[in-house]
Amino acid sequence: MLLGSVMLAFGPWLVRLADVAPVASAFWRLALAVLPLALLARFAAAPAAAPARSDTRVLGMAALAGLFFAGDIALWHYGIVRTTLANAALLSNAASFLLPLWGFVVLGHKPGRPALLAIGFALGGALLLVGQSAELSPRYLTGDLLCLGAALLYTAYLIVVDRLRGTLAVFPLLALATGFGALALLLPALASTPFWPTDWTPLVLLALGSQVIGQGLVVFAVGHLRPLVVGLTLLVQPAIATTIGAWRFGEVPGLAEVTGAALVITALILVRLPDRA
């Protein structure tokens, strides 16, 4: 989960480097990843358990996951170019708190004292991490709202993926969701300008690093971790994105941002502590 989050954290930088429209970069991210994921599904994936649902239902849920993910990526890519890297990473990862909330309310996962402390540290650290750039200004308001919308769709995507993992192996599941997502984005991408890149490097790295490796590891981890652990680990992404923003775009973090990163690390340690009944 940590390694997947690290790979995903470089996504916003690559989106800014791409010389195509945001929705086009979202399409190419998925489209270029379909073949590698299909090969992994064919040759590297372990056999799944016997399906408990009909093939039609499984394909329908995979298509729903792809639709949620396509909407998430499209909104996020538009948000990335309209706000800071720190804001884009933080707000799009509101799933870090929405997913544990789903676990508490719907699945009945009761948090112990370490978990409650972890949520508090994670929330405080995330807010400090972005510092002054987290303020909603006219310049960043649209991008911030788009990233929050992406977080809602990403949470829905993770929930559907979790329900499918007992039926499909990791890479077949991700390959199907990615293929359906690319189909959903094809027409909007064709209608955008520019659609064809002159430099394929950022898009290829985005597809392989974020979609194949990053998402592949996250999808695998979701089936083995509680929602709270998954949600809090996603907060690693804002810390890395803030570092990239400081190095590449001069968004140098201050004391508040450094303190926020320390609180996030503390939260990740706390959430692994066993609860005492």
Protein backbone atom coordinates (compact mmCIF):
# COMPACT_ATOMS: atom_id res chain seq x y z
CA MET A 1 0.00 0.00 0.00
CA LEU A 2 2.85 2.35 0.82
CA LEU A 3 4.71 1.56 -2.40
CA GLY A 4 1.55 2.02 -4.46
CA SER A 5 0.92 5.38 -2.82
CA VAL A 6 4.48 6.47 -3.61
CA MET A 7 4.05 5.60 -7.29
CA LEU A 8 0.71 7.42 -7.45
CA ALA A 9 2.22 10.51 -5.83
CA PHE A 10 4.21 11.32 -8.98
CA GLY A 11 1.02 11.45 -11.07
CA PRO A 12 0.24 15.18 -10.64
CA TRP A 13 3.72 16.20 -11.81
CA LEU A 14 3.43 14.01 -14.92
CA VAL A 15 -0.02 15.46 -15.68
CA ARG A 16 1.48 18.96 -15.66
CA LEU A 17 4.31 17.81 -17.93
CA ALA A 18 1.93 16.29 -20.50
CA ASP A 19 1.27 18.49 -23.55
CA VAL A 20 -2.37 17.41 -24.00
CA ALA A 21 -5.66 18.49 -22.47
CA PRO A 22 -6.35 17.16 -18.94
CA VAL A 23 -9.12 14.80 -20.06
CA ALA A 24 -6.87 13.57 -22.88
CA SER A 25 -4.07 12.80 -20.42
CA ALA A 26 -6.64 10.91 -18.32
CA PHE A 27 -7.63 8.87 -21.38
CA TRP A 28 -4.05 8.09 -22.40
CA ARG A 29 -3.21 7.10 -18.82
CA LEU A 30 -5.85 4.39 -18.99
CA ALA A 31 -5.57 3.45 -22.66
CA LEU A 32 -1.79 2.92 -22.57
CA ALA A 33 -2.13 0.79 -19.45
CA VAL A 34 -4.70 -1.66 -20.87
CA LEU A 35 -2.23 -3.89 -22.74
CA PRO A 36 0.34 -4.22 -19.88
CA LEU A 37 -2.46 -4.96 -17.43
CA ALA A 38 -4.00 -7.51 -19.81
CA LEU A 39 -0.62 -9.26 -20.13
CA LEU A 40 -0.22 -9.28 -16.36
CA ALA A 41 -3.75 -10.62 -16.02
CA ARG A 42 -2.91 -13.41 -18.47
CA PHE A 43 0.53 -14.47 -17.28
CA ALA A 44 1.16 -13.15 -13.75
CA ALA A 45 -2.18 -13.29 -11.97
CA ALA A 46 -2.99 -16.17 -9.65
CA PRO A 47 -6.21 -18.05 -10.41
CA ALA A 48 -9.25 -16.54 -8.71
CA ALA A 49 -11.72 -18.46 -6.62
CA ALA A 50 -14.82 -19.84 -8.29
CA PRO A 51 -17.10 -16.90 -9.15
CA ALA A 52 -19.99 -16.46 -6.76
CA ARG A 53 -21.83 -14.26 -9.25
CA SER A 54 -22.78 -14.50 -12.90
CA ASP A 55 -20.33 -13.31 -15.53
CA THR A 56 -22.77 -10.58 -16.54
CA ARG A 57 -22.95 -9.22 -13.03
CA VAL A 58 -19.17 -9.32 -12.66
CA LEU A 59 -18.70 -7.43 -15.94
CA GLY A 60 -21.35 -4.93 -14.89
CA MET A 61 -19.59 -4.22 -11.60
CA ALA A 62 -16.22 -3.99 -13.37
CA ALA A 63 -17.76 -1.49 -15.79
CA LEU A 64 -19.13 0.48 -12.83
CA ALA A 65 -15.68 0.52 -11.25
CA GLY A 66 -14.21 1.72 -14.55
CA LEU A 67 -16.83 4.48 -14.81
CA PHE A 68 -16.11 5.68 -11.27
CA PHE A 69 -12.37 5.61 -11.92
CA ALA A 70 -12.69 7.42 -15.26
CA GLY A 71 -14.67 10.20 -13.59
CA ASP A 72 -12.15 10.37 -10.75
CA ILE A 73 -9.16 10.65 -13.09
CA ALA A 74 -10.83 13.20 -15.38
CA LEU A 75 -11.85 15.51 -12.52
CA TRP A 76 -8.48 15.11 -10.83
CA HIS A 77 -6.49 15.95 -13.98
CA TYR A 78 -8.54 19.11 -14.47
CA GLY A 79 -8.00 19.98 -10.81
CA ILE A 80 -4.23 19.42 -10.99
CA VAL A 81 -3.75 22.19 -13.56
CA ARG A 82 -5.97 24.60 -11.58
CA THR A 83 -4.49 24.34 -8.08
CA THR A 84 -1.21 23.57 -6.33
CA LEU A 85 0.32 20.09 -6.32
CA ALA A 86 -0.11 19.93 -2.55
CA ASN A 87 -3.81 20.83 -2.76
CA ALA A 88 -4.41 18.43 -5.64
CA ALA A 89 -2.84 15.54 -3.74
CA LEU A 90 -4.49 16.34 -0.42
CA LEU A 91 -8.04 17.10 -1.54
CA SER A 92 -8.23 14.24 -4.02
CA ASN A 93 -7.20 11.96 -1.18
CA ALA A 94 -10.16 12.88 0.97
CA ALA A 95 -10.83 9.18 0.39
CA SER A 96 -8.35 8.78 3.25
CA PHE A 97 -11.21 9.81 5.54
CA LEU A 98 -14.24 8.83 3.46
CA LEU A 99 -13.12 5.20 3.20
CA PRO A 100 -12.65 4.71 6.96
CA LEU A 101 -16.03 6.39 7.45
CA TRP A 102 -17.53 3.76 5.14
CA GLY A 103 -15.85 1.08 7.23
CA PHE A 104 -17.20 2.48 10.49
CA VAL A 105 -20.76 3.20 9.37
CA VAL A 106 -21.50 0.42 6.85
CA LEU A 107 -19.11 -2.41 7.68
CA GLY A 108 -19.26 -1.95 11.44
CA HIS A 109 -15.52 -1.64 12.01
CA LYS A 110 -15.18 -0.10 15.47
CA PRO A 111 -12.06 2.04 15.98
CA GLY A 112 -9.94 1.57 19.10
CA ARG A 113 -7.94 4.26 20.84
CA PRO A 114 -4.88 3.98 18.52
CA ALA A 115 -7.16 4.25 15.49
CA LEU A 116 -8.91 7.34 16.85
CA LEU A 117 -5.56 8.96 17.63
CA ALA A 118 -4.33 8.04 14.14
CA ILE A 119 -7.32 9.74 12.52
CA GLY A 120 -6.73 12.85 14.60
CA PHE A 121 -3.03 12.99 13.76
CA ALA A 122 -3.70 12.30 10.08
CA LEU A 123 -6.31 15.03 9.82
CA GLY A 124 -4.14 17.57 11.63
CA GLY A 125 -1.07 16.62 9.63
CA ALA A 126 -2.90 16.79 6.31
CA LEU A 127 -4.22 20.25 7.08
CA LEU A 128 -0.79 21.51 8.11
CA LEU A 129 0.89 19.86 5.14
CA VAL A 130 -0.48 22.23 2.56
CA GLY A 131 -0.11 25.33 4.72
CA GLN A 132 -1.16 28.55 3.09
CA SER A 133 -1.77 26.88 -0.28
CA ALA A 134 -4.72 24.99 1.24
CA GLU A 135 -6.73 28.20 1.53
CA LEU A 136 -9.58 28.35 -0.94
CA SER A 137 -8.91 31.38 -3.12
CA PRO A 138 -10.59 32.47 -6.36
CA ARG A 139 -7.56 31.16 -8.23
CA TYR A 140 -7.63 27.70 -6.70
CA LEU A 141 -11.31 27.27 -5.80
CA THR A 142 -12.30 25.50 -9.02
CA GLY A 143 -9.36 23.13 -8.87
CA ASP A 144 -9.97 22.35 -5.22
CA LEU A 145 -13.64 21.53 -5.83
CA LEU A 146 -12.73 19.30 -8.78
CA CYS A 147 -10.25 17.38 -6.61
CA LEU A 148 -12.88 16.92 -3.89
CA GLY A 149 -15.28 15.56 -6.49
CA ALA A 150 -12.54 13.19 -7.64
CA ALA A 151 -12.15 11.95 -4.06
CA LEU A 152 -15.84 11.01 -3.87
CA LEU A 153 -15.59 9.01 -7.10
CA TYR A 154 -12.34 7.36 -6.02
CA THR A 155 -13.96 6.23 -2.77
CA ALA A 156 -16.81 4.69 -4.76
CA TYR A 157 -14.25 3.00 -7.03
CA LEU A 158 -12.40 1.44 -4.08
CA ILE A 159 -15.65 0.17 -2.59
CA VAL A 160 -16.68 -1.56 -5.84
CA VAL A 161 -13.16 -2.98 -6.24
CA ASP A 162 -13.28 -4.40 -2.73
CA ARG A 163 -16.58 -6.14 -3.50
CA LEU A 164 -15.13 -7.69 -6.66
CA ARG A 165 -11.90 -9.03 -5.21
CA GLY A 166 -13.46 -12.29 -4.07
CA THR A 167 -14.58 -12.95 -7.64
CA LEU A 168 -11.68 -11.70 -9.76
CA ALA A 169 -7.92 -11.75 -9.26
CA VAL A 170 -6.16 -8.41 -8.91
CA PHE A 171 -4.85 -7.86 -12.43
CA PRO A 172 -7.89 -9.15 -14.35
CA LEU A 173 -10.00 -6.84 -12.19
CA LEU A 174 -7.75 -3.84 -12.78
CA ALA A 175 -7.44 -4.60 -16.51
CA LEU A 176 -11.24 -4.68 -16.89
CA ALA A 177 -11.80 -1.52 -14.87
CA THR A 178 -9.05 0.29 -16.80
CA GLY A 179 -10.43 -0.81 -20.17
CA PHE A 180 -13.96 0.29 -19.30
CA GLY A 181 -12.59 3.57 -17.96
CA ALA A 182 -10.68 4.24 -21.18
CA LEU A 183 -13.84 3.62 -23.22
CA ALA A 184 -15.76 6.05 -21.02
CA LEU A 185 -13.16 8.77 -21.60
CA LEU A 186 -12.63 8.22 -25.34
CA LEU A 187 -15.25 10.64 -26.68
CA PRO A 188 -14.54 13.44 -24.17
CA ALA A 189 -10.83 13.10 -24.92
CA LEU A 190 -11.36 13.24 -28.70
CA ALA A 191 -13.41 16.41 -28.22
CA SER A 192 -10.57 18.08 -26.29
CA THR A 193 -7.63 20.02 -27.71
CA PRO A 194 -4.87 18.99 -27.96
CA PHE A 195 -5.54 15.26 -28.03
CA TRP A 196 -2.38 13.85 -29.66
CA PRO A 197 0.84 14.45 -27.67
CA THR A 198 4.13 15.55 -29.19
CA ASP A 199 6.05 14.05 -26.25
CA TRP A 200 4.81 10.61 -25.14
CA THR A 201 7.21 10.26 -22.19
CA PRO A 202 5.03 11.81 -19.43
CA LEU A 203 1.99 9.85 -20.61
CA VAL A 204 3.83 6.53 -20.79
CA LEU A 205 5.29 7.07 -17.32
CA LEU A 206 1.84 8.07 -16.06
CA ALA A 207 0.29 4.91 -17.49
CA LEU A 208 2.97 2.51 -16.26
CA GLY A 209 3.88 4.14 -12.95
CA SER A 210 0.48 5.30 -11.76
CA GLN A 211 -1.98 2.93 -13.41
CA VAL A 212 -0.13 -0.36 -13.79
CA ILE A 213 2.18 -0.35 -10.77
CA GLY A 214 0.54 2.17 -8.44
CA GLN A 215 -3.09 1.15 -8.91
CA GLY A 216 -2.12 -2.52 -9.14
CA LEU A 217 -0.52 -2.43 -5.70
CA VAL A 218 -3.39 -0.41 -4.20
CA VAL A 219 -6.03 -2.81 -5.56
CA PHE A 220 -4.06 -5.76 -4.17
CA ALA A 221 -3.66 -4.09 -0.76
CA VAL A 222 -7.33 -3.14 -0.44
CA GLY A 223 -8.25 -6.81 -0.16
CA HIS A 224 -5.80 -7.41 2.71
CA LEU A 225 -6.15 -4.29 4.87
CA ARG A 226 -8.91 -2.64 6.85
CA PRO A 227 -10.42 0.52 5.31
CA LEU A 228 -8.84 2.68 8.03
CA VAL A 229 -5.34 1.46 7.14
CA VAL A 230 -5.97 1.93 3.43
CA GLY A 231 -7.32 5.44 3.95
CA LEU A 232 -4.51 6.65 6.17
CA THR A 233 -1.79 5.19 3.96
CA LEU A 234 -3.16 7.19 1.02
CA LEU A 235 -2.05 10.31 2.91
CA VAL A 236 1.56 9.52 1.96
CA GLN A 237 0.77 11.00 -1.46
CA PRO A 238 0.33 14.63 -0.31
CA ALA A 239 3.67 14.48 1.51
CA ILE A 240 5.49 13.38 -1.65
CA ALA A 241 3.54 15.76 -3.89
CA THR A 242 4.49 18.66 -1.60
CA THR A 243 8.15 17.69 -1.94
CA ILE A 244 7.87 17.61 -5.74
CA GLY A 245 6.11 20.98 -5.70
CA ALA A 246 8.93 22.50 -3.68
CA TRP A 247 11.64 21.04 -5.91
CA ARG A 248 10.06 21.58 -9.31
CA PHE A 249 7.72 24.56 -8.86
CA GLY A 250 9.25 26.48 -5.96
CA GLU A 251 6.43 25.65 -3.52
CA VAL A 252 8.81 25.41 -0.56
CA PRO A 253 7.17 23.97 2.58
CA GLY A 254 7.49 25.80 5.86
CA LEU A 255 7.47 24.62 9.44
CA ALA A 256 3.75 23.88 9.33
CA GLU A 257 4.13 21.58 6.32
CA VAL A 258 7.08 19.72 7.89
CA THR A 259 5.11 19.28 11.10
CA GLY A 260 2.18 17.98 9.07
CA ALA A 261 4.35 15.34 7.42
CA ALA A 262 5.58 14.20 10.86
CA LEU A 263 1.98 13.88 12.06
CA VAL A 264 1.07 11.77 9.03
CA ILE A 265 3.97 9.41 9.73
CA THR A 266 2.86 9.20 13.37
CA ALA A 267 -0.65 8.31 12.20
CA LEU A 268 0.68 5.52 9.99
CA ILE A 269 2.51 4.04 12.98
CA LEU A 270 -0.47 4.33 15.31
CA VAL A 271 -2.87 2.67 12.89
CA ARG A 272 -0.73 -0.47 12.87
CA LEU A 273 -0.88 -0.86 16.65
CA PRO A 274 -3.19 -3.66 17.84
CA ASP A 275 -6.40 -2.61 19.59
CA ARG A 276 -6.95 -3.87 23.12
CA ALA A 277 -10.45 -5.17 23.69
